[in-house]
Amino acid sequence: VLVVESDAMDRSSMRQALKTLGYGGISDAPNHAAALEKMNDRKFTHIVFEAKKTNIPAKDFLAQVLQIDSECIAIPSSSQPNVDDVFDLLVMGAKGYLCKPFTIDTVESAILQA
């Protein structure tokens, strides 16, 4: 699982939630560009990514993720989701959505539904 989150506390919390749920091989990145670099070095089955622009717009990031690995399960996350943005990401190939602040249960639910 690759966690893409600009906020260090959220990134740490997500890593801890995933570990608690039994996921191993967790990696993280502070922005979308760093995540793409990690994807070129290693295969990830799941990516939980920030649905706002870091150094790449979220839609462009998702397009590049799916171009690198069309089978990767990409789950956007946001504290203030916009219906149009969520819909656009789902149409592009995102699998579900994770609203912040998240709990272990909401992370598990988002991954299982994806």
PDB file of N, CA and C in Angstrom:
ATOM      1  N   VAL A   1       0.854  -1.177   0.000  1.00  0.00           N
ATOM      2  CA  VAL A   1       0.000   0.000   0.000  1.00  0.00           C
ATOM      3  C   VAL A   1       0.897   1.236   0.000  1.00  0.00           C
ATOM      4  N   LEU A   2       0.567   2.186  -0.865  1.00  0.00           N
ATOM      5  CA  LEU A   2       1.277   3.459  -0.910  1.00  0.00           C
ATOM      6  C   LEU A   2       0.330   4.554  -0.415  1.00  0.00           C
ATOM      7  N   VAL A   3       0.774   5.296   0.583  1.00  0.00           N
ATOM      8  CA  VAL A   3      -0.017   6.390   1.159  1.00  0.00           C
ATOM      9  C   VAL A   3       0.586   7.700   0.665  1.00  0.00           C
ATOM     10  N   VAL A   4      -0.233   8.517   0.003  1.00  0.00           N
ATOM     11  CA  VAL A   4       0.220   9.813  -0.511  1.00  0.00           C
ATOM     12  C   VAL A   4      -0.539  10.897   0.248  1.00  0.00           C
ATOM     13  N   GLU A   5       0.175  11.579   1.125  1.00  0.00           N
ATOM     14  CA  GLU A   5      -0.454  12.558   2.015  1.00  0.00           C
ATOM     15  C   GLU A   5       0.558  13.624   2.378  1.00  0.00           C
ATOM     16  N   SER A   6       0.192  14.892   2.178  1.00  0.00           N
ATOM     17  CA  SER A   6       1.127  15.982   2.463  1.00  0.00           C
ATOM     18  C   SER A   6       1.273  16.258   3.960  1.00  0.00           C
ATOM     19  N   ASP A   7       0.239  15.977   4.743  1.00  0.00           N
ATOM     20  CA  ASP A   7       0.296  16.219   6.180  1.00  0.00           C
ATOM     21  C   ASP A   7       0.970  15.036   6.886  1.00  0.00           C
ATOM     22  N   ALA A   8       2.087  15.291   7.546  1.00  0.00           N
ATOM     23  CA  ALA A   8       2.867  14.220   8.177  1.00  0.00           C
ATOM     24  C   ALA A   8       2.068  13.451   9.227  1.00  0.00           C
ATOM     25  N   MET A   9       1.224  14.136   9.985  1.00  0.00           N
ATOM     26  CA  MET A   9       0.423  13.467  11.012  1.00  0.00           C
ATOM     27  C   MET A   9      -0.610  12.536  10.367  1.00  0.00           C
ATOM     28  N   ASP A  10      -1.285  13.008   9.313  1.00  0.00           N
ATOM     29  CA  ASP A  10      -2.249  12.165   8.608  1.00  0.00           C
ATOM     30  C   ASP A  10      -1.553  10.963   7.974  1.00  0.00           C
ATOM     31  N   ARG A  11      -0.369  11.205   7.421  1.00  0.00           N
ATOM     32  CA  ARG A  11       0.399  10.125   6.785  1.00  0.00           C
ATOM     33  C   ARG A  11       0.744   9.053   7.828  1.00  0.00           C
ATOM     34  N   SER A  12       1.199   9.488   8.981  1.00  0.00           N
ATOM     35  CA  SER A  12       1.548   8.566  10.061  1.00  0.00           C
ATOM     36  C   SER A  12       0.315   7.816  10.566  1.00  0.00           C
ATOM     37  N   SER A  13      -0.787   8.530  10.724  1.00  0.00           N
ATOM     38  CA  SER A  13      -2.033   7.903  11.194  1.00  0.00           C
ATOM     39  C   SER A  13      -2.527   6.853  10.208  1.00  0.00           C
ATOM     40  N   MET A  14      -2.423   7.152   8.923  1.00  0.00           N
ATOM     41  CA  MET A  14      -2.859   6.194   7.907  1.00  0.00           C
ATOM     42  C   MET A  14      -1.968   4.952   7.935  1.00  0.00           C
ATOM     43  N   ARG A  15      -0.663   5.150   8.053  1.00  0.00           N
ATOM     44  CA  ARG A  15       0.265   4.007   8.137  1.00  0.00           C
ATOM     45  C   ARG A  15      -0.094   3.131   9.339  1.00  0.00           C
ATOM     46  N   GLN A  16      -0.360   3.771  10.477  1.00  0.00           N
ATOM     47  CA  GLN A  16      -0.694   3.021  11.691  1.00  0.00           C
ATOM     48  C   GLN A  16      -2.015   2.270  11.519  1.00  0.00           C
ATOM     49  N   ALA A  17      -3.008   2.909  10.912  1.00  0.00           N
ATOM     50  CA  ALA A  17      -4.297   2.241  10.684  1.00  0.00           C
ATOM     51  C   ALA A  17      -4.111   1.016   9.793  1.00  0.00           C
ATOM     52  N   LEU A  18      -3.326   1.157   8.738  1.00  0.00           N
ATOM     53  CA  LEU A  18      -3.090   0.039   7.821  1.00  0.00           C
ATOM     54  C   LEU A  18      -2.339  -1.099   8.519  1.00  0.00           C
ATOM     55  N   LYS A  19      -1.354  -0.763   9.360  1.00  0.00           N
ATOM     56  CA  LYS A  19      -0.633  -1.793  10.114  1.00  0.00           C
ATOM     57  C   LYS A  19      -1.580  -2.523  11.054  1.00  0.00           C
ATOM     58  N   THR A  20      -2.450  -1.763  11.727  1.00  0.00           N
ATOM     59  CA  THR A  20      -3.416  -2.353  12.644  1.00  0.00           C
ATOM     60  C   THR A  20      -4.340  -3.322  11.904  1.00  0.00           C
ATOM     61  N   LEU A  21      -4.663  -2.998  10.671  1.00  0.00           N
ATOM     62  CA  LEU A  21      -5.540  -3.855   9.859  1.00  0.00           C
ATOM     63  C   LEU A  21      -4.802  -5.046   9.252  1.00  0.00           C
ATOM     64  N   GLY A  22      -3.495  -5.113   9.490  1.00  0.00           N
ATOM     65  CA  GLY A  22      -2.736  -6.263   9.026  1.00  0.00           C
ATOM     66  C   GLY A  22      -2.049  -6.101   7.686  1.00  0.00           C
ATOM     67  N   TYR A  23      -2.041  -4.900   7.146  1.00  0.00           N
ATOM     68  CA  TYR A  23      -1.364  -4.668   5.868  1.00  0.00           C
ATOM     69  C   TYR A  23       0.134  -4.495   6.112  1.00  0.00           C
ATOM     70  N   GLY A  24       0.924  -5.103   5.253  1.00  0.00           N
ATOM     71  CA  GLY A  24       2.371  -4.974   5.328  1.00  0.00           C
ATOM     72  C   GLY A  24       2.874  -4.271   4.083  1.00  0.00           C
ATOM     73  N   GLY A  25       4.153  -4.026   4.044  1.00  0.00           N
ATOM     74  CA  GLY A  25       4.731  -3.397   2.856  1.00  0.00           C
ATOM     75  C   GLY A  25       4.177  -2.010   2.584  1.00  0.00           C
ATOM     76  N   ILE A  26       3.943  -1.260   3.649  1.00  0.00           N
ATOM     77  CA  ILE A  26       3.374   0.079   3.516  1.00  0.00           C
ATOM     78  C   ILE A  26       4.494   1.079   3.239  1.00  0.00           C
ATOM     79  N   SER A  27       4.266   1.921   2.257  1.00  0.00           N
ATOM     80  CA  SER A  27       5.203   2.988   1.934  1.00  0.00           C
ATOM     81  C   SER A  27       4.417   4.282   1.893  1.00  0.00           C
ATOM     82  N   ASP A  28       5.106   5.412   1.971  1.00  0.00           N
ATOM     83  CA  ASP A  28       4.390   6.674   1.901  1.00  0.00           C
ATOM     84  C   ASP A  28       5.184   7.701   1.121  1.00  0.00           C
ATOM     85  N   ALA A  29       4.469   8.739   0.721  1.00  0.00           N
ATOM     86  CA  ALA A  29       5.068   9.841  -0.024  1.00  0.00           C
ATOM     87  C   ALA A  29       4.376  11.127   0.394  1.00  0.00           C
ATOM     88  N   PRO A  30       5.139  12.239   0.486  1.00  0.00           N
ATOM     89  CA  PRO A  30       4.550  13.507   0.919  1.00  0.00           C
ATOM     90  C   PRO A  30       3.833  14.268  -0.196  1.00  0.00           C
ATOM     91  N   ASN A  31       3.989  13.807  -1.443  1.00  0.00           N
ATOM     92  CA  ASN A  31       3.309  14.491  -2.552  1.00  0.00           C
ATOM     93  C   ASN A  31       3.146  13.530  -3.730  1.00  0.00           C
ATOM     94  N   HIS A  32       2.406  13.970  -4.719  1.00  0.00           N
ATOM     95  CA  HIS A  32       2.091  13.108  -5.859  1.00  0.00           C
ATOM     96  C   HIS A  32       3.325  12.753  -6.696  1.00  0.00           C
ATOM     97  N   ALA A  33       4.223  13.698  -6.906  1.00  0.00           N
ATOM     98  CA  ALA A  33       5.409  13.424  -7.729  1.00  0.00           C
ATOM     99  C   ALA A  33       6.294  12.367  -7.072  1.00  0.00           C
ATOM    100  N   ALA A  34       6.487  12.472  -5.768  1.00  0.00           N
ATOM    101  CA  ALA A  34       7.294  11.477  -5.043  1.00  0.00           C
ATOM    102  C   ALA A  34       6.631  10.104  -5.116  1.00  0.00           C
ATOM    103  N   ALA A  35       5.307  10.068  -5.088  1.00  0.00           N
ATOM    104  CA  ALA A  35       4.580   8.798  -5.191  1.00  0.00           C
ATOM    105  C   ALA A  35       4.806   8.150  -6.554  1.00  0.00           C
ATOM    106  N   LEU A  36       4.785   8.949  -7.607  1.00  0.00           N
ATOM    107  CA  LEU A  36       5.021   8.405  -8.948  1.00  0.00           C
ATOM    108  C   LEU A  36       6.426   7.822  -9.057  1.00  0.00           C
ATOM    109  N   GLU A  37       7.410   8.479  -8.441  1.00  0.00           N
ATOM    110  CA  GLU A  37       8.772   7.944  -8.429  1.00  0.00           C
ATOM    111  C   GLU A  37       8.806   6.586  -7.738  1.00  0.00           C
ATOM    112  N   LYS A  38       8.101   6.471  -6.603  1.00  0.00           N
ATOM    113  CA  LYS A  38       8.070   5.197  -5.883  1.00  0.00           C
ATOM    114  C   LYS A  38       7.384   4.116  -6.712  1.00  0.00           C
ATOM    115  N   MET A  39       6.360   4.504  -7.467  1.00  0.00           N
ATOM    116  CA  MET A  39       5.667   3.520  -8.308  1.00  0.00           C
ATOM    117  C   MET A  39       6.567   2.986  -9.411  1.00  0.00           C
ATOM    118  N   ASN A  40       7.505   3.795  -9.871  1.00  0.00           N
ATOM    119  CA  ASN A  40       8.425   3.332 -10.906  1.00  0.00           C
ATOM    120  C   ASN A  40       9.451   2.355 -10.344  1.00  0.00           C
ATOM    121  N   ASP A  41       9.668   2.397  -9.010  1.00  0.00           N
ATOM    122  CA  ASP A  41      10.640   1.519  -8.368  1.00  0.00           C
ATOM    123  C   ASP A  41      10.019   0.242  -7.820  1.00  0.00           C
ATOM    124  N   ARG A  42       8.715   0.282  -7.553  1.00  0.00           N
ATOM    125  CA  ARG A  42       8.074  -0.824  -6.839  1.00  0.00           C
ATOM    126  C   ARG A  42       6.604  -0.917  -7.222  1.00  0.00           C
ATOM    127  N   LYS A  43       6.062  -2.124  -7.207  1.00  0.00           N
ATOM    128  CA  LYS A  43       4.641  -2.319  -7.515  1.00  0.00           C
ATOM    129  C   LYS A  43       3.820  -2.199  -6.235  1.00  0.00           C
ATOM    130  N   PHE A  44       2.713  -1.477  -6.336  1.00  0.00           N
ATOM    131  CA  PHE A  44       1.774  -1.346  -5.223  1.00  0.00           C
ATOM    132  C   PHE A  44       0.413  -1.841  -5.690  1.00  0.00           C
ATOM    133  N   THR A  45      -0.285  -2.578  -4.832  1.00  0.00           N
ATOM    134  CA  THR A  45      -1.628  -3.041  -5.188  1.00  0.00           C
ATOM    135  C   THR A  45      -2.660  -1.952  -4.899  1.00  0.00           C
ATOM    136  N   HIS A  46      -2.395  -1.129  -3.874  1.00  0.00           N
ATOM    137  CA  HIS A  46      -3.320  -0.075  -3.461  1.00  0.00           C
ATOM    138  C   HIS A  46      -2.567   1.237  -3.256  1.00  0.00           C
ATOM    139  N   ILE A  47      -3.250   2.328  -3.605  1.00  0.00           N
ATOM    140  CA  ILE A  47      -2.739   3.663  -3.317  1.00  0.00           C
ATOM    141  C   ILE A  47      -3.875   4.474  -2.702  1.00  0.00           C
ATOM    142  N   VAL A  48      -3.614   5.016  -1.519  1.00  0.00           N
ATOM    143  CA  VAL A  48      -4.552   5.953  -0.895  1.00  0.00           C
ATOM    144  C   VAL A  48      -3.902   7.313  -1.067  1.00  0.00           C
ATOM    145  N   PHE A  49      -4.556   8.178  -1.859  1.00  0.00           N
ATOM    146  CA  PHE A  49      -3.901   9.440  -2.198  1.00  0.00           C
ATOM    147  C   PHE A  49      -4.759  10.652  -1.893  1.00  0.00           C
ATOM    148  N   GLU A  50      -4.074  11.726  -1.584  1.00  0.00           N
ATOM    149  CA  GLU A  50      -4.716  13.004  -1.297  1.00  0.00           C
ATOM    150  C   GLU A  50      -5.395  13.530  -2.565  1.00  0.00           C
ATOM    151  N   ALA A  51      -6.673  13.847  -2.439  1.00  0.00           N
ATOM    152  CA  ALA A  51      -7.451  14.250  -3.610  1.00  0.00           C
ATOM    153  C   ALA A  51      -7.364  15.745  -3.888  1.00  0.00           C
ATOM    154  N   LYS A  52      -6.409  16.414  -3.272  1.00  0.00           N
ATOM    155  CA  LYS A  52      -6.183  17.818  -3.604  1.00  0.00           C
ATOM    156  C   LYS A  52      -4.814  17.922  -4.270  1.00  0.00           C
ATOM    157  N   LYS A  53      -4.592  19.016  -4.923  1.00  0.00           N
ATOM    158  CA  LYS A  53      -3.323  19.205  -5.613  1.00  0.00           C
ATOM    159  C   LYS A  53      -2.193  19.355  -4.601  1.00  0.00           C
ATOM    160  N   THR A  54      -1.154  18.554  -4.778  1.00  0.00           N
ATOM    161  CA  THR A  54       0.085  18.797  -4.030  1.00  0.00           C
ATOM    162  C   THR A  54       0.990  19.478  -5.047  1.00  0.00           C
ATOM    163  N   ASN A  55       1.836  18.724  -5.717  1.00  0.00           N
ATOM    164  CA  ASN A  55       2.641  19.319  -6.784  1.00  0.00           C
ATOM    165  C   ASN A  55       2.158  18.868  -8.166  1.00  0.00           C
ATOM    166  N   ILE A  56       1.126  18.029  -8.184  1.00  0.00           N
ATOM    167  CA  ILE A  56       0.458  17.595  -9.416  1.00  0.00           C
ATOM    168  C   ILE A  56      -1.038  17.576  -9.111  1.00  0.00           C
ATOM    169  N   PRO A  57      -1.884  18.068 -10.008  1.00  0.00           N
ATOM    170  CA  PRO A  57      -3.335  17.973  -9.771  1.00  0.00           C
ATOM    171  C   PRO A  57      -3.761  16.508  -9.577  1.00  0.00           C
ATOM    172  N   ALA A  58      -4.719  16.278  -8.693  1.00  0.00           N
ATOM    173  CA  ALA A  58      -5.144  14.910  -8.359  1.00  0.00           C
ATOM    174  C   ALA A  58      -5.589  14.121  -9.586  1.00  0.00           C
ATOM    175  N   LYS A  59      -6.298  14.758 -10.497  1.00  0.00           N
ATOM    176  CA  LYS A  59      -6.765  14.047 -11.703  1.00  0.00           C
ATOM    177  C   LYS A  59      -5.590  13.624 -12.582  1.00  0.00           C
ATOM    178  N   ASP A  60      -4.595  14.485 -12.720  1.00  0.00           N
ATOM    179  CA  ASP A  60      -3.408  14.139 -13.501  1.00  0.00           C
ATOM    180  C   ASP A  60      -2.635  13.010 -12.827  1.00  0.00           C
ATOM    181  N   PHE A  61      -2.558  13.072 -11.499  1.00  0.00           N
ATOM    182  CA  PHE A  61      -1.878  12.021 -10.747  1.00  0.00           C
ATOM    183  C   PHE A  61      -2.561  10.676 -10.968  1.00  0.00           C
ATOM    184  N   LEU A  62      -3.882  10.651 -10.831  1.00  0.00           N
ATOM    185  CA  LEU A  62      -4.622   9.402 -11.011  1.00  0.00           C
ATOM    186  C   LEU A  62      -4.414   8.844 -12.423  1.00  0.00           C
ATOM    187  N   ALA A  63      -4.457   9.712 -13.417  1.00  0.00           N
ATOM    188  CA  ALA A  63      -4.242   9.264 -14.797  1.00  0.00           C
ATOM    189  C   ALA A  63      -2.859   8.621 -14.944  1.00  0.00           C
ATOM    190  N   GLN A  64      -1.848   9.220 -14.338  1.00  0.00           N
ATOM    191  CA  GLN A  64      -0.485   8.674 -14.434  1.00  0.00           C
ATOM    192  C   GLN A  64      -0.358   7.363 -13.660  1.00  0.00           C
ATOM    193  N   VAL A  65      -1.002   7.275 -12.500  1.00  0.00           N
ATOM    194  CA  VAL A  65      -0.978   6.030 -11.715  1.00  0.00           C
ATOM    195  C   VAL A  65      -1.548   4.891 -12.554  1.00  0.00           C
ATOM    196  N   LEU A  66      -2.713   5.128 -13.155  1.00  0.00           N
ATOM    197  CA  LEU A  66      -3.366   4.071 -13.918  1.00  0.00           C
ATOM    198  C   LEU A  66      -2.634   3.763 -15.218  1.00  0.00           C
ATOM    199  N   GLN A  67      -1.877   4.716 -15.716  1.00  0.00           N
ATOM    200  CA  GLN A  67      -1.051   4.468 -16.896  1.00  0.00           C
ATOM    201  C   GLN A  67       0.132   3.564 -16.523  1.00  0.00           C
ATOM    202  N   ILE A  68       0.706   3.769 -15.348  1.00  0.00           N
ATOM    203  CA  ILE A  68       1.811   2.937 -14.869  1.00  0.00           C
ATOM    204  C   ILE A  68       1.312   1.528 -14.559  1.00  0.00           C
ATOM    205  N   ASP A  69       0.157   1.433 -13.876  1.00  0.00           N
ATOM    206  CA  ASP A  69      -0.394   0.141 -13.476  1.00  0.00           C
ATOM    207  C   ASP A  69      -1.920   0.217 -13.489  1.00  0.00           C
ATOM    208  N   SER A  70      -2.517  -0.267 -14.554  1.00  0.00           N
ATOM    209  CA  SER A  70      -3.972  -0.159 -14.725  1.00  0.00           C
ATOM    210  C   SER A  70      -4.751  -0.993 -13.702  1.00  0.00           C
ATOM    211  N   GLU A  71      -4.082  -1.915 -13.018  1.00  0.00           N
ATOM    212  CA  GLU A  71      -4.771  -2.755 -12.034  1.00  0.00           C
ATOM    213  C   GLU A  71      -4.620  -2.245 -10.604  1.00  0.00           C
ATOM    214  N   CYS A  72      -3.880  -1.173 -10.423  1.00  0.00           N
ATOM    215  CA  CYS A  72      -3.693  -0.597  -9.101  1.00  0.00           C
ATOM    216  C   CYS A  72      -5.033  -0.045  -8.593  1.00  0.00           C
ATOM    217  N   ILE A  73      -5.341  -0.319  -7.336  1.00  0.00           N
ATOM    218  CA  ILE A  73      -6.571   0.191  -6.725  1.00  0.00           C
ATOM    219  C   ILE A  73      -6.252   1.532  -6.089  1.00  0.00           C
ATOM    220  N   ALA A  74      -6.778   2.589  -6.684  1.00  0.00           N
ATOM    221  CA  ALA A  74      -6.500   3.955  -6.238  1.00  0.00           C
ATOM    222  C   ALA A  74      -7.699   4.503  -5.477  1.00  0.00           C
ATOM    223  N   ILE A  75      -7.455   4.927  -4.236  1.00  0.00           N
ATOM    224  CA  ILE A  75      -8.515   5.440  -3.374  1.00  0.00           C
ATOM    225  C   ILE A  75      -8.173   6.878  -2.970  1.00  0.00           C
ATOM    226  N   PRO A  76      -8.915   7.860  -3.501  1.00  0.00           N
ATOM    227  CA  PRO A  76      -8.659   9.244  -3.110  1.00  0.00           C
ATOM    228  C   PRO A  76      -9.181   9.522  -1.694  1.00  0.00           C
ATOM    229  N   SER A  77      -8.578  10.512  -1.021  1.00  0.00           N
ATOM    230  CA  SER A  77      -9.041  10.908   0.306  1.00  0.00           C
ATOM    231  C   SER A  77      -9.032  12.430   0.410  1.00  0.00           C
ATOM    232  N   SER A  78      -9.967  12.945   1.206  1.00  0.00           N
ATOM    233  CA  SER A  78     -10.059  14.388   1.377  1.00  0.00           C
ATOM    234  C   SER A  78     -10.889  14.714   2.613  1.00  0.00           C
ATOM    235  N   SER A  79     -10.596  15.852   3.210  1.00  0.00           N
ATOM    236  CA  SER A  79     -11.397  16.306   4.347  1.00  0.00           C
ATOM    237  C   SER A  79     -12.587  17.131   3.890  1.00  0.00           C
ATOM    238  N   GLN A  80     -12.525  17.661   2.677  1.00  0.00           N
ATOM    239  CA  GLN A  80     -13.618  18.467   2.150  1.00  0.00           C
ATOM    240  C   GLN A  80     -13.912  18.055   0.706  1.00  0.00           C
ATOM    241  N   PRO A  81     -14.489  16.859   0.545  1.00  0.00           N
ATOM    242  CA  PRO A  81     -14.721  16.384  -0.822  1.00  0.00           C
ATOM    243  C   PRO A  81     -15.767  17.208  -1.558  1.00  0.00           C
ATOM    244  N   ASN A  82     -15.476  17.502  -2.801  1.00  0.00           N
ATOM    245  CA  ASN A  82     -16.384  18.212  -3.690  1.00  0.00           C
ATOM    246  C   ASN A  82     -17.042  17.151  -4.572  1.00  0.00           C
ATOM    247  N   VAL A  83     -18.355  17.157  -4.662  1.00  0.00           N
ATOM    248  CA  VAL A  83     -19.089  16.124  -5.399  1.00  0.00           C
ATOM    249  C   VAL A  83     -18.574  15.984  -6.831  1.00  0.00           C
ATOM    250  N   ASP A  84     -18.339  17.086  -7.512  1.00  0.00           N
ATOM    251  CA  ASP A  84     -17.864  17.021  -8.898  1.00  0.00           C
ATOM    252  C   ASP A  84     -16.480  16.395  -8.986  1.00  0.00           C
ATOM    253  N   ASP A  85     -15.597  16.758  -8.061  1.00  0.00           N
ATOM    254  CA  ASP A  85     -14.250  16.189  -8.064  1.00  0.00           C
ATOM    255  C   ASP A  85     -14.277  14.697  -7.772  1.00  0.00           C
ATOM    256  N   VAL A  86     -15.085  14.297  -6.774  1.00  0.00           N
ATOM    257  CA  VAL A  86     -15.210  12.874  -6.434  1.00  0.00           C
ATOM    258  C   VAL A  86     -15.725  12.106  -7.648  1.00  0.00           C
ATOM    259  N   PHE A  87     -16.769  12.620  -8.273  1.00  0.00           N
ATOM    260  CA  PHE A  87     -17.357  11.956  -9.436  1.00  0.00           C
ATOM    261  C   PHE A  87     -16.332  11.828 -10.557  1.00  0.00           C
ATOM    262  N   ASP A  88     -15.611  12.895 -10.835  1.00  0.00           N
ATOM    263  CA  ASP A  88     -14.599  12.865 -11.900  1.00  0.00           C
ATOM    264  C   ASP A  88     -13.536  11.800 -11.624  1.00  0.00           C
ATOM    265  N   LEU A  89     -13.077  11.706 -10.386  1.00  0.00           N
ATOM    266  CA  LEU A  89     -12.060  10.714 -10.031  1.00  0.00           C
ATOM    267  C   LEU A  89     -12.608   9.291 -10.169  1.00  0.00           C
ATOM    268  N   LEU A  90     -13.870   9.096  -9.781  1.00  0.00           N
ATOM    269  CA  LEU A  90     -14.487   7.773  -9.924  1.00  0.00           C
ATOM    270  C   LEU A  90     -14.628   7.393 -11.394  1.00  0.00           C
ATOM    271  N   VAL A  91     -15.035   8.341 -12.219  1.00  0.00           N
ATOM    272  CA  VAL A  91     -15.161   8.086 -13.660  1.00  0.00           C
ATOM    273  C   VAL A  91     -13.797   7.725 -14.257  1.00  0.00           C
ATOM    274  N   MET A  92     -12.760   8.367 -13.765  1.00  0.00           N
ATOM    275  CA  MET A  92     -11.403   8.127 -14.281  1.00  0.00           C
ATOM    276  C   MET A  92     -10.849   6.763 -13.870  1.00  0.00           C
ATOM    277  N   GLY A  93     -11.419   6.165 -12.804  1.00  0.00           N
ATOM    278  CA  GLY A  93     -10.946   4.848 -12.387  1.00  0.00           C
ATOM    279  C   GLY A  93     -10.639   4.692 -10.917  1.00  0.00           C
ATOM    280  N   ALA A  94     -10.861   5.749 -10.106  1.00  0.00           N
ATOM    281  CA  ALA A  94     -10.679   5.615  -8.661  1.00  0.00           C
ATOM    282  C   ALA A  94     -11.714   4.624  -8.136  1.00  0.00           C
ATOM    283  N   LYS A  95     -11.355   3.974  -7.057  1.00  0.00           N
ATOM    284  CA  LYS A  95     -12.232   2.954  -6.457  1.00  0.00           C
ATOM    285  C   LYS A  95     -12.675   3.421  -5.081  1.00  0.00           C
ATOM    286  N   GLY A  96     -13.775   4.149  -5.033  1.00  0.00           N
ATOM    287  CA  GLY A  96     -14.279   4.615  -3.759  1.00  0.00           C
ATOM    288  C   GLY A  96     -13.680   5.947  -3.353  1.00  0.00           C
ATOM    289  N   TYR A  97     -13.869   6.266  -2.076  1.00  0.00           N
ATOM    290  CA  TYR A  97     -13.404   7.549  -1.558  1.00  0.00           C
ATOM    291  C   TYR A  97     -13.272   7.425  -0.046  1.00  0.00           C
ATOM    292  N   LEU A  98     -12.275   8.057   0.523  1.00  0.00           N
ATOM    293  CA  LEU A  98     -12.057   8.033   1.962  1.00  0.00           C
ATOM    294  C   LEU A  98     -12.121   9.460   2.489  1.00  0.00           C
ATOM    295  N   CYS A  99     -13.088   9.708   3.366  1.00  0.00           N
ATOM    296  CA  CYS A  99     -13.223  11.051   3.951  1.00  0.00           C
ATOM    297  C   CYS A  99     -12.393  11.155   5.221  1.00  0.00           C
ATOM    298  N   LYS A 100     -11.729  12.305   5.372  1.00  0.00           N
ATOM    299  CA  LYS A 100     -10.953  12.601   6.576  1.00  0.00           C
ATOM    300  C   LYS A 100     -11.829  13.419   7.514  1.00  0.00           C
ATOM    301  N   PRO A 101     -11.652  13.346   8.790  1.00  0.00           N
ATOM    302  CA  PRO A 101     -10.684  12.475   9.447  1.00  0.00           C
ATOM    303  C   PRO A 101     -11.149  11.020   9.369  1.00  0.00           C
ATOM    304  N   PHE A 102     -10.207  10.110   9.197  1.00  0.00           N
ATOM    305  CA  PHE A 102     -10.546   8.707   9.046  1.00  0.00           C
ATOM    306  C   PHE A 102     -10.312   7.959  10.354  1.00  0.00           C
ATOM    307  N   THR A 103     -10.952   6.809  10.449  1.00  0.00           N
ATOM    308  CA  THR A 103     -10.757   5.903  11.574  1.00  0.00           C
ATOM    309  C   THR A 103     -10.284   4.573  10.994  1.00  0.00           C
ATOM    310  N   ILE A 104      -9.874   3.674  11.843  1.00  0.00           N
ATOM    311  CA  ILE A 104      -9.479   2.348  11.368  1.00  0.00           C
ATOM    312  C   ILE A 104     -10.647   1.718  10.614  1.00  0.00           C
ATOM    313  N   ASP A 105     -11.865   1.880  11.129  1.00  0.00           N
ATOM    314  CA  ASP A 105     -13.040   1.296  10.477  1.00  0.00           C
ATOM    315  C   ASP A 105     -13.300   1.899   9.103  1.00  0.00           C
ATOM    316  N   THR A 106     -13.160   3.225   8.961  1.00  0.00           N
ATOM    317  CA  THR A 106     -13.429   3.835   7.652  1.00  0.00           C
ATOM    318  C   THR A 106     -12.334   3.478   6.645  1.00  0.00           C
ATOM    319  N   VAL A 107     -11.090   3.326   7.121  1.00  0.00           N
ATOM    320  CA  VAL A 107     -10.006   2.899   6.225  1.00  0.00           C
ATOM    321  C   VAL A 107     -10.282   1.472   5.755  1.00  0.00           C
ATOM    322  N   GLU A 108     -10.639   0.608   6.687  1.00  0.00           N
ATOM    323  CA  GLU A 108     -10.940  -0.791   6.326  1.00  0.00           C
ATOM    324  C   GLU A 108     -12.104  -0.853   5.346  1.00  0.00           C
ATOM    325  N   SER A 109     -13.137  -0.102   5.617  1.00  0.00           N
ATOM    326  CA  SER A 109     -14.304  -0.079   4.742  1.00  0.00           C
ATOM    327  C   SER A 109     -13.949   0.392   3.344  1.00  0.00           C
ATOM    328  N   ALA A 110     -13.180   1.468   3.246  1.00  0.00           N
ATOM    329  CA  ALA A 110     -12.790   2.011   1.928  1.00  0.00           C
ATOM    330  C   ALA A 110     -11.985   0.985   1.133  1.00  0.00           C
ATOM    331  N   ILE A 111     -11.060   0.303   1.794  1.00  0.00           N
ATOM    332  CA  ILE A 111     -10.231  -0.686   1.096  1.00  0.00           C
ATOM    333  C   ILE A 111     -11.054  -1.887   0.678  1.00  0.00           C
ATOM    334  N   LEU A 112     -11.919  -2.367   1.555  1.00  0.00           N
ATOM    335  CA  LEU A 112     -12.738  -3.539   1.224  1.00  0.00           C
ATOM    336  C   LEU A 112     -13.726  -3.226   0.101  1.00  0.00           C
ATOM    337  N   GLN A 113     -14.315  -2.042   0.128  1.00  0.00           N
ATOM    338  CA  GLN A 113     -15.258  -1.663  -0.923  1.00  0.00           C
ATOM    339  C   GLN A 113     -14.560  -1.453  -2.255  1.00  0.00           C
ATOM    340  N   ALA A 114     -13.316  -1.030  -2.210  1.00  0.00           N
ATOM    341  CA  ALA A 114     -12.564  -0.807  -3.448  1.00  0.00           C
ATOM    342  C   ALA A 114     -12.286  -2.132  -4.118  1.00  0.00           C
TER     343      ALA A 114
END
